[in-house]
Amino acid sequence: MSRAPGRDRSPAVVAVRYVLPAAIVLAGLVLTVVGSDTAAGAGVVLIGVGFLVALGGALMRLSIESNRDREREEEARRYFDRHGRWPRRGADV
């Protein structure tokens, strides 16, 4: 039904989750080291953007996992209503 955390390794997911932020930060580092004053400023901005992209992806994953936790909790509550006891972790539900 639901995947374990960290198990989705399709190329598109890996590209957006890891490669894109790393490429943005790398471009920022190159501009910061090699470029003029203006390019160095743009490089610092790109480094920040790369970290923000990574942070956005992490927050999205946490949000999705939180929804899965709520679904498991609701299923356990339905089990409790039917059987009068809380389910054992993973065994009853």
PDB file of N, CA and C in Angstrom:
ATOM      1  N   MET A   1       0.827  -1.188   0.000  1.00  0.00           N
ATOM      2  CA  MET A   1       0.000   0.000   0.000  1.00  0.00           C
ATOM      3  C   MET A   1       0.872   1.252   0.000  1.00  0.00           C
ATOM      4  N   SER A   2       1.637   1.475   1.037  1.00  0.00           N
ATOM      5  CA  SER A   2       2.516   2.636   1.057  1.00  0.00           C
ATOM      6  C   SER A   2       3.949   2.155   1.071  1.00  0.00           C
ATOM      7  N   ARG A   3       4.802   2.932   0.477  1.00  0.00           N
ATOM      8  CA  ARG A   3       6.211   2.577   0.409  1.00  0.00           C
ATOM      9  C   ARG A   3       6.918   2.971   1.683  1.00  0.00           C
ATOM     10  N   ALA A   4       7.977   2.260   1.958  1.00  0.00           N
ATOM     11  CA  ALA A   4       8.802   2.630   3.103  1.00  0.00           C
ATOM     12  C   ALA A   4       9.547   3.917   2.772  1.00  0.00           C
ATOM     13  N   PRO A   5       9.836   4.753   3.764  1.00  0.00           N
ATOM     14  CA  PRO A   5      10.548   5.998   3.491  1.00  0.00           C
ATOM     15  C   PRO A   5      11.891   5.730   2.820  1.00  0.00           C
ATOM     16  N   GLY A   6      12.198   6.537   1.819  1.00  0.00           N
ATOM     17  CA  GLY A   6      13.478   6.429   1.150  1.00  0.00           C
ATOM     18  C   GLY A   6      13.555   5.344   0.095  1.00  0.00           C
ATOM     19  N   ARG A   7      12.429   4.702  -0.264  1.00  0.00           N
ATOM     20  CA  ARG A   7      12.452   3.597  -1.210  1.00  0.00           C
ATOM     21  C   ARG A   7      12.165   4.024  -2.643  1.00  0.00           C
ATOM     22  N   ASP A   8      11.678   5.234  -2.861  1.00  0.00           N
ATOM     23  CA  ASP A   8      11.347   5.687  -4.206  1.00  0.00           C
ATOM     24  C   ASP A   8      12.617   6.217  -4.861  1.00  0.00           C
ATOM     25  N   ARG A   9      13.205   5.438  -5.756  1.00  0.00           N
ATOM     26  CA  ARG A   9      14.478   5.807  -6.368  1.00  0.00           C
ATOM     27  C   ARG A   9      14.376   5.909  -7.883  1.00  0.00           C
ATOM     28  N   SER A  10      13.240   6.337  -8.411  1.00  0.00           N
ATOM     29  CA  SER A  10      13.139   6.514  -9.851  1.00  0.00           C
ATOM     30  C   SER A  10      14.090   7.637 -10.275  1.00  0.00           C
ATOM     31  N   PRO A  11      14.553   7.600 -11.529  1.00  0.00           N
ATOM     32  CA  PRO A  11      15.512   8.624 -11.971  1.00  0.00           C
ATOM     33  C   PRO A  11      14.984  10.054 -11.838  1.00  0.00           C
ATOM     34  N   ALA A  12      13.713  10.266 -12.094  1.00  0.00           N
ATOM     35  CA  ALA A  12      13.154  11.616 -11.983  1.00  0.00           C
ATOM     36  C   ALA A  12      13.174  12.098 -10.536  1.00  0.00           C
ATOM     37  N   VAL A  13      12.837  11.221  -9.605  1.00  0.00           N
ATOM     38  CA  VAL A  13      12.826  11.597  -8.189  1.00  0.00           C
ATOM     39  C   VAL A  13      14.239  11.912  -7.719  1.00  0.00           C
ATOM     40  N   VAL A  14      15.193  11.071  -8.104  1.00  0.00           N
ATOM     41  CA  VAL A  14      16.589  11.302  -7.714  1.00  0.00           C
ATOM     42  C   VAL A  14      17.077  12.624  -8.306  1.00  0.00           C
ATOM     43  N   ALA A  15      16.700  12.891  -9.559  1.00  0.00           N
ATOM     44  CA  ALA A  15      17.146  14.125 -10.212  1.00  0.00           C
ATOM     45  C   ALA A  15      16.610  15.359  -9.494  1.00  0.00           C
ATOM     46  N   VAL A  16      15.338  15.352  -9.152  1.00  0.00           N
ATOM     47  CA  VAL A  16      14.751  16.524  -8.508  1.00  0.00           C
ATOM     48  C   VAL A  16      15.182  16.636  -7.048  1.00  0.00           C
ATOM     49  N   ARG A  17      15.303  15.507  -6.389  1.00  0.00           N
ATOM     50  CA  ARG A  17      15.601  15.510  -4.962  1.00  0.00           C
ATOM     51  C   ARG A  17      17.060  15.824  -4.658  1.00  0.00           C
ATOM     52  N   TYR A  18      17.961  15.306  -5.472  1.00  0.00           N
ATOM     53  CA  TYR A  18      19.382  15.427  -5.141  1.00  0.00           C
ATOM     54  C   TYR A  18      20.197  16.169  -6.200  1.00  0.00           C
ATOM     55  N   VAL A  19      20.014  15.813  -7.469  1.00  0.00           N
ATOM     56  CA  VAL A  19      20.860  16.361  -8.526  1.00  0.00           C
ATOM     57  C   VAL A  19      20.576  17.845  -8.746  1.00  0.00           C
ATOM     58  N   LEU A  20      19.311  18.230  -8.809  1.00  0.00           N
ATOM     59  CA  LEU A  20      18.965  19.633  -9.053  1.00  0.00           C
ATOM     60  C   LEU A  20      19.529  20.565  -7.979  1.00  0.00           C
ATOM     61  N   PRO A  21      19.283  20.308  -6.687  1.00  0.00           N
ATOM     62  CA  PRO A  21      19.871  21.214  -5.684  1.00  0.00           C
ATOM     63  C   PRO A  21      21.401  21.216  -5.721  1.00  0.00           C
ATOM     64  N   ALA A  22      21.996  20.048  -5.940  1.00  0.00           N
ATOM     65  CA  ALA A  22      23.463  19.985  -5.994  1.00  0.00           C
ATOM     66  C   ALA A  22      23.997  20.774  -7.185  1.00  0.00           C
ATOM     67  N   ALA A  23      23.319  20.702  -8.321  1.00  0.00           N
ATOM     68  CA  ALA A  23      23.761  21.442  -9.508  1.00  0.00           C
ATOM     69  C   ALA A  23      23.641  22.948  -9.295  1.00  0.00           C
ATOM     70  N   ILE A  24      22.569  23.361  -8.634  1.00  0.00           N
ATOM     71  CA  ILE A  24      22.385  24.790  -8.371  1.00  0.00           C
ATOM     72  C   ILE A  24      23.475  25.296  -7.426  1.00  0.00           C
ATOM     73  N   VAL A  25      23.759  24.537  -6.368  1.00  0.00           N
ATOM     74  CA  VAL A  25      24.801  24.942  -5.419  1.00  0.00           C
ATOM     75  C   VAL A  25      26.165  24.942  -6.102  1.00  0.00           C
ATOM     76  N   LEU A  26      26.437  23.938  -6.935  1.00  0.00           N
ATOM     77  CA  LEU A  26      27.709  23.885  -7.646  1.00  0.00           C
ATOM     78  C   LEU A  26      27.877  25.083  -8.576  1.00  0.00           C
ATOM     79  N   ALA A  27      26.816  25.448  -9.298  1.00  0.00           N
ATOM     80  CA  ALA A  27      26.881  26.624 -10.164  1.00  0.00           C
ATOM     81  C   ALA A  27      27.137  27.884  -9.341  1.00  0.00           C
ATOM     82  N   GLY A  28      26.515  27.976  -8.180  1.00  0.00           N
ATOM     83  CA  GLY A  28      26.751  29.112  -7.298  1.00  0.00           C
ATOM     84  C   GLY A  28      28.177  29.173  -6.804  1.00  0.00           C
ATOM     85  N   LEU A  29      28.723  28.017  -6.464  1.00  0.00           N
ATOM     86  CA  LEU A  29      30.117  27.984  -6.014  1.00  0.00           C
ATOM     87  C   LEU A  29      31.072  28.404  -7.122  1.00  0.00           C
ATOM     88  N   VAL A  30      30.813  27.938  -8.328  1.00  0.00           N
ATOM     89  CA  VAL A  30      31.670  28.306  -9.461  1.00  0.00           C
ATOM     90  C   VAL A  30      31.616  29.808  -9.691  1.00  0.00           C
ATOM     91  N   LEU A  31      30.405  30.366  -9.694  1.00  0.00           N
ATOM     92  CA  LEU A  31      30.277  31.809  -9.892  1.00  0.00           C
ATOM     93  C   LEU A  31      30.952  32.597  -8.766  1.00  0.00           C
ATOM     94  N   THR A  32      30.834  32.100  -7.565  1.00  0.00           N
ATOM     95  CA  THR A  32      31.431  32.798  -6.427  1.00  0.00           C
ATOM     96  C   THR A  32      32.951  32.804  -6.503  1.00  0.00           C
ATOM     97  N   VAL A  33      33.535  31.703  -6.906  1.00  0.00           N
ATOM     98  CA  VAL A  33      34.989  31.587  -6.935  1.00  0.00           C
ATOM     99  C   VAL A  33      35.584  32.252  -8.167  1.00  0.00           C
ATOM    100  N   VAL A  34      34.971  32.042  -9.329  1.00  0.00           N
ATOM    101  CA  VAL A  34      35.576  32.457 -10.596  1.00  0.00           C
ATOM    102  C   VAL A  34      35.113  33.831 -11.056  1.00  0.00           C
ATOM    103  N   GLY A  35      33.893  34.203 -10.748  1.00  0.00           N
ATOM    104  CA  GLY A  35      33.298  35.382 -11.349  1.00  0.00           C
ATOM    105  C   GLY A  35      33.734  36.706 -10.757  1.00  0.00           C
ATOM    106  N   SER A  36      33.252  37.762 -11.401  1.00  0.00           N
ATOM    107  CA  SER A  36      33.480  39.128 -10.925  1.00  0.00           C
ATOM    108  C   SER A  36      32.638  39.376  -9.678  1.00  0.00           C
ATOM    109  N   ASP A  37      32.638  40.614  -9.208  1.00  0.00           N
ATOM    110  CA  ASP A  37      31.855  40.936  -8.008  1.00  0.00           C
ATOM    111  C   ASP A  37      30.371  40.664  -8.223  1.00  0.00           C
ATOM    112  N   THR A  38      29.862  41.065  -9.369  1.00  0.00           N
ATOM    113  CA  THR A  38      28.447  40.847  -9.669  1.00  0.00           C
ATOM    114  C   THR A  38      28.146  39.352  -9.770  1.00  0.00           C
ATOM    115  N   ALA A  39      29.014  38.608 -10.462  1.00  0.00           N
ATOM    116  CA  ALA A  39      28.815  37.166 -10.602  1.00  0.00           C
ATOM    117  C   ALA A  39      28.948  36.468  -9.249  1.00  0.00           C
ATOM    118  N   ALA A  40      29.849  36.943  -8.410  1.00  0.00           N
ATOM    119  CA  ALA A  40      30.001  36.355  -7.077  1.00  0.00           C
ATOM    120  C   ALA A  40      28.738  36.559  -6.249  1.00  0.00           C
ATOM    121  N   GLY A  41      28.123  37.727  -6.375  1.00  0.00           N
ATOM    122  CA  GLY A  41      26.856  37.967  -5.682  1.00  0.00           C
ATOM    123  C   GLY A  41      25.762  37.039  -6.178  1.00  0.00           C
ATOM    124  N   ALA A  42      25.720  36.847  -7.489  1.00  0.00           N
ATOM    125  CA  ALA A  42      24.737  35.923  -8.058  1.00  0.00           C
ATOM    126  C   ALA A  42      25.031  34.500  -7.589  1.00  0.00           C
ATOM    127  N   GLY A  43      26.309  34.165  -7.445  1.00  0.00           N
ATOM    128  CA  GLY A  43      26.674  32.840  -6.962  1.00  0.00           C
ATOM    129  C   GLY A  43      26.192  32.585  -5.551  1.00  0.00           C
ATOM    130  N   VAL A  44      26.317  33.583  -4.697  1.00  0.00           N
ATOM    131  CA  VAL A  44      25.824  33.451  -3.317  1.00  0.00           C
ATOM    132  C   VAL A  44      24.314  33.232  -3.316  1.00  0.00           C
ATOM    133  N   VAL A  45      23.623  33.958  -4.178  1.00  0.00           N
ATOM    134  CA  VAL A  45      22.164  33.787  -4.284  1.00  0.00           C
ATOM    135  C   VAL A  45      21.836  32.379  -4.759  1.00  0.00           C
ATOM    136  N   LEU A  46      22.573  31.881  -5.754  1.00  0.00           N
ATOM    137  CA  LEU A  46      22.327  30.527  -6.253  1.00  0.00           C
ATOM    138  C   LEU A  46      22.591  29.469  -5.178  1.00  0.00           C
ATOM    139  N   ILE A  47      23.601  29.662  -4.372  1.00  0.00           N
ATOM    140  CA  ILE A  47      23.853  28.717  -3.280  1.00  0.00           C
ATOM    141  C   ILE A  47      22.654  28.686  -2.333  1.00  0.00           C
ATOM    142  N   GLY A  48      22.140  29.843  -1.997  1.00  0.00           N
ATOM    143  CA  GLY A  48      20.952  29.901  -1.149  1.00  0.00           C
ATOM    144  C   GLY A  48      19.749  29.250  -1.791  1.00  0.00           C
ATOM    145  N   VAL A  49      19.566  29.470  -3.084  1.00  0.00           N
ATOM    146  CA  VAL A  49      18.446  28.864  -3.801  1.00  0.00           C
ATOM    147  C   VAL A  49      18.576  27.343  -3.808  1.00  0.00           C
ATOM    148  N   GLY A  50      19.802  26.847  -4.013  1.00  0.00           N
ATOM    149  CA  GLY A  50      20.004  25.398  -3.988  1.00  0.00           C
ATOM    150  C   GLY A  50      19.613  24.788  -2.653  1.00  0.00           C
ATOM    151  N   PHE A  51      19.994  25.460  -1.562  1.00  0.00           N
ATOM    152  CA  PHE A  51      19.603  24.961  -0.242  1.00  0.00           C
ATOM    153  C   PHE A  51      18.090  25.064  -0.040  1.00  0.00           C
ATOM    154  N   LEU A  52      17.472  26.098  -0.554  1.00  0.00           N
ATOM    155  CA  LEU A  52      16.015  26.223  -0.438  1.00  0.00           C
ATOM    156  C   LEU A  52      15.291  25.139  -1.224  1.00  0.00           C
ATOM    157  N   VAL A  53      15.794  24.798  -2.397  1.00  0.00           N
ATOM    158  CA  VAL A  53      15.186  23.716  -3.181  1.00  0.00           C
ATOM    159  C   VAL A  53      15.281  22.401  -2.413  1.00  0.00           C
ATOM    160  N   ALA A  54      16.445  22.124  -1.819  1.00  0.00           N
ATOM    161  CA  ALA A  54      16.615  20.904  -1.025  1.00  0.00           C
ATOM    162  C   ALA A  54      15.693  20.914   0.197  1.00  0.00           C
ATOM    163  N   LEU A  55      15.597  22.063   0.860  1.00  0.00           N
ATOM    164  CA  LEU A  55      14.724  22.176   2.026  1.00  0.00           C
ATOM    165  C   LEU A  55      13.261  21.982   1.640  1.00  0.00           C
ATOM    166  N   GLY A  56      12.845  22.553   0.520  1.00  0.00           N
ATOM    167  CA  GLY A  56      11.470  22.373   0.054  1.00  0.00           C
ATOM    168  C   GLY A  56      11.151  20.912  -0.200  1.00  0.00           C
ATOM    169  N   GLY A  57      12.083  20.188  -0.810  1.00  0.00           N
ATOM    170  CA  GLY A  57      11.876  18.756  -1.040  1.00  0.00           C
ATOM    171  C   GLY A  57      11.775  17.976   0.257  1.00  0.00           C
ATOM    172  N   ALA A  58      12.623  18.315   1.220  1.00  0.00           N
ATOM    173  CA  ALA A  58      12.586  17.632   2.512  1.00  0.00           C
ATOM    174  C   ALA A  58      11.267  17.900   3.239  1.00  0.00           C
ATOM    175  N   LEU A  59      10.803  19.138   3.208  1.00  0.00           N
ATOM    176  CA  LEU A  59       9.527  19.471   3.858  1.00  0.00           C
ATOM    177  C   LEU A  59       8.359  18.769   3.178  1.00  0.00           C
ATOM    178  N   MET A  60       8.430  18.634   1.854  1.00  0.00           N
ATOM    179  CA  MET A  60       7.376  17.918   1.132  1.00  0.00           C
ATOM    180  C   MET A  60       7.338  16.449   1.547  1.00  0.00           C
ATOM    181  N   ARG A  61       8.513  15.832   1.653  1.00  0.00           N
ATOM    182  CA  ARG A  61       8.563  14.429   2.078  1.00  0.00           C
ATOM    183  C   ARG A  61       8.030  14.268   3.499  1.00  0.00           C
ATOM    184  N   LEU A  62       8.372  15.191   4.388  1.00  0.00           N
ATOM    185  CA  LEU A  62       7.862  15.127   5.753  1.00  0.00           C
ATOM    186  C   LEU A  62       6.346  15.266   5.788  1.00  0.00           C
ATOM    187  N   SER A  63       5.807  16.125   4.952  1.00  0.00           N
ATOM    188  CA  SER A  63       4.362  16.313   4.885  1.00  0.00           C
ATOM    189  C   SER A  63       3.669  15.040   4.422  1.00  0.00           C
ATOM    190  N   ILE A  64       4.221  14.404   3.409  1.00  0.00           N
ATOM    191  CA  ILE A  64       3.626  13.171   2.894  1.00  0.00           C
ATOM    192  C   ILE A  64       3.700  12.071   3.942  1.00  0.00           C
ATOM    193  N   GLU A  65       4.824  11.953   4.629  1.00  0.00           N
ATOM    194  CA  GLU A  65       4.966  10.934   5.675  1.00  0.00           C
ATOM    195  C   GLU A  65       3.995  11.204   6.818  1.00  0.00           C
ATOM    196  N   SER A  66       3.776  12.466   7.149  1.00  0.00           N
ATOM    197  CA  SER A  66       2.827  12.816   8.198  1.00  0.00           C
ATOM    198  C   SER A  66       1.418  12.359   7.820  1.00  0.00           C
ATOM    199  N   ASN A  67       1.054  12.514   6.549  1.00  0.00           N
ATOM    200  CA  ASN A  67      -0.255  12.048   6.096  1.00  0.00           C
ATOM    201  C   ASN A  67      -0.366  10.534   6.212  1.00  0.00           C
ATOM    202  N   ARG A  68       0.703   9.812   5.902  1.00  0.00           N
ATOM    203  CA  ARG A  68       0.689   8.350   6.042  1.00  0.00           C
ATOM    204  C   ARG A  68       0.522   7.952   7.504  1.00  0.00           C
ATOM    205  N   ASP A  69       1.183   8.678   8.403  1.00  0.00           N
ATOM    206  CA  ASP A  69       1.032   8.393   9.830  1.00  0.00           C
ATOM    207  C   ASP A  69      -0.413   8.588  10.270  1.00  0.00           C
ATOM    208  N   ARG A  70      -1.051   9.630   9.786  1.00  0.00           N
ATOM    209  CA  ARG A  70      -2.456   9.879  10.135  1.00  0.00           C
ATOM    210  C   ARG A  70      -3.348   8.761   9.617  1.00  0.00           C
ATOM    211  N   GLU A  71      -3.076   8.269   8.405  1.00  0.00           N
ATOM    212  CA  GLU A  71      -3.873   7.171   7.846  1.00  0.00           C
ATOM    213  C   GLU A  71      -3.707   5.904   8.679  1.00  0.00           C
ATOM    214  N   ARG A  72      -2.472   5.603   9.116  1.00  0.00           N
ATOM    215  CA  ARG A  72      -2.245   4.422   9.955  1.00  0.00           C
ATOM    216  C   ARG A  72      -2.955   4.573  11.303  1.00  0.00           C
ATOM    217  N   GLU A  73      -2.927   5.762  11.858  1.00  0.00           N
ATOM    218  CA  GLU A  73      -3.604   6.017  13.130  1.00  0.00           C
ATOM    219  C   GLU A  73      -5.117   5.829  12.972  1.00  0.00           C
ATOM    220  N   GLU A  74      -5.670   6.323  11.897  1.00  0.00           N
ATOM    221  CA  GLU A  74      -7.113   6.177  11.656  1.00  0.00           C
ATOM    222  C   GLU A  74      -7.487   4.704  11.489  1.00  0.00           C
ATOM    223  N   GLU A  75      -6.663   3.941  10.790  1.00  0.00           N
ATOM    224  CA  GLU A  75      -6.908   2.508  10.630  1.00  0.00           C
ATOM    225  C   GLU A  75      -6.857   1.806  11.984  1.00  0.00           C
ATOM    226  N   ALA A  76      -5.912   2.178  12.834  1.00  0.00           N
ATOM    227  CA  ALA A  76      -5.822   1.587  14.173  1.00  0.00           C
ATOM    228  C   ALA A  76      -7.049   1.939  15.004  1.00  0.00           C
ATOM    229  N   ARG A  77      -7.559   3.142  14.864  1.00  0.00           N
ATOM    230  CA  ARG A  77      -8.767   3.533  15.600  1.00  0.00           C
ATOM    231  C   ARG A  77      -9.987   2.737  15.132  1.00  0.00           C
ATOM    232  N   ARG A  78     -10.087   2.520  13.810  1.00  0.00           N
ATOM    233  CA  ARG A  78     -11.192   1.692  13.295  1.00  0.00           C
ATOM    234  C   ARG A  78     -11.090   0.267  13.844  1.00  0.00           C
ATOM    235  N   TYR A  79      -9.875  -0.267  13.902  1.00  0.00           N
ATOM    236  CA  TYR A  79      -9.659  -1.599  14.467  1.00  0.00           C
ATOM    237  C   TYR A  79     -10.104  -1.625  15.928  1.00  0.00           C
ATOM    238  N   PHE A  80      -9.739  -0.586  16.671  1.00  0.00           N
ATOM    239  CA  PHE A  80     -10.135  -0.510  18.081  1.00  0.00           C
ATOM    240  C   PHE A  80     -11.652  -0.494  18.221  1.00  0.00           C
ATOM    241  N   ASP A  81     -12.331   0.272  17.355  1.00  0.00           N
ATOM    242  CA  ASP A  81     -13.790   0.334  17.413  1.00  0.00           C
ATOM    243  C   ASP A  81     -14.417  -1.037  17.136  1.00  0.00           C
ATOM    244  N   ARG A  82     -13.827  -1.813  16.240  1.00  0.00           N
ATOM    245  CA  ARG A  82     -14.388  -3.126  15.893  1.00  0.00           C
ATOM    246  C   ARG A  82     -14.078  -4.186  16.952  1.00  0.00           C
ATOM    247  N   HIS A  83     -12.850  -4.179  17.506  1.00  0.00           N
ATOM    248  CA  HIS A  83     -12.399  -5.281  18.351  1.00  0.00           C
ATOM    249  C   HIS A  83     -12.267  -4.931  19.836  1.00  0.00           C
ATOM    250  N   GLY A  84     -12.325  -3.669  20.190  1.00  0.00           N
ATOM    251  CA  GLY A  84     -12.250  -3.281  21.591  1.00  0.00           C
ATOM    252  C   GLY A  84     -10.851  -3.278  22.179  1.00  0.00           C
ATOM    253  N   ARG A  85      -9.851  -3.421  21.351  1.00  0.00           N
ATOM    254  CA  ARG A  85      -8.464  -3.351  21.817  1.00  0.00           C
ATOM    255  C   ARG A  85      -7.622  -2.705  20.728  1.00  0.00           C
ATOM    256  N   TRP A  86      -6.523  -2.117  21.167  1.00  0.00           N
ATOM    257  CA  TRP A  86      -5.622  -1.448  20.234  1.00  0.00           C
ATOM    258  C   TRP A  86      -4.814  -2.519  19.499  1.00  0.00           C
ATOM    259  N   PRO A  87      -4.629  -2.373  18.188  1.00  0.00           N
ATOM    260  CA  PRO A  87      -3.899  -3.411  17.453  1.00  0.00           C
ATOM    261  C   PRO A  87      -2.422  -3.454  17.825  1.00  0.00           C
ATOM    262  N   ARG A  88      -1.870  -4.656  17.765  1.00  0.00           N
ATOM    263  CA  ARG A  88      -0.433  -4.778  17.926  1.00  0.00           C
ATOM    264  C   ARG A  88       0.219  -4.215  16.686  1.00  0.00           C
ATOM    265  N   ARG A  89       1.356  -3.605  16.832  1.00  0.00           N
ATOM    266  CA  ARG A  89       2.009  -2.904  15.742  1.00  0.00           C
ATOM    267  C   ARG A  89       2.276  -3.832  14.554  1.00  0.00           C
ATOM    268  N   GLY A  90       1.539  -3.617  13.448  1.00  0.00           N
ATOM    269  CA  GLY A  90       1.768  -4.354  12.219  1.00  0.00           C
ATOM    270  C   GLY A  90       1.182  -5.753  12.193  1.00  0.00           C
ATOM    271  N   ALA A  91       0.716  -6.280  13.319  1.00  0.00           N
ATOM    272  CA  ALA A  91       0.240  -7.657  13.342  1.00  0.00           C
ATOM    273  C   ALA A  91      -1.244  -7.772  13.060  1.00  0.00           C
ATOM    274  N   ASP A  92      -2.060  -6.860  13.563  1.00  0.00           N
ATOM    275  CA  ASP A  92      -3.510  -7.002  13.469  1.00  0.00           C
ATOM    276  C   ASP A  92      -4.132  -6.221  12.308  1.00  0.00           C
ATOM    277  N   VAL A  93      -3.613  -5.075  12.019  1.00  0.00           N
ATOM    278  CA  VAL A  93      -4.274  -4.199  11.048  1.00  0.00           C
ATOM    279  C   VAL A  93      -4.057  -4.635   9.652  1.00  0.00           C
TER     280      VAL A  93
END
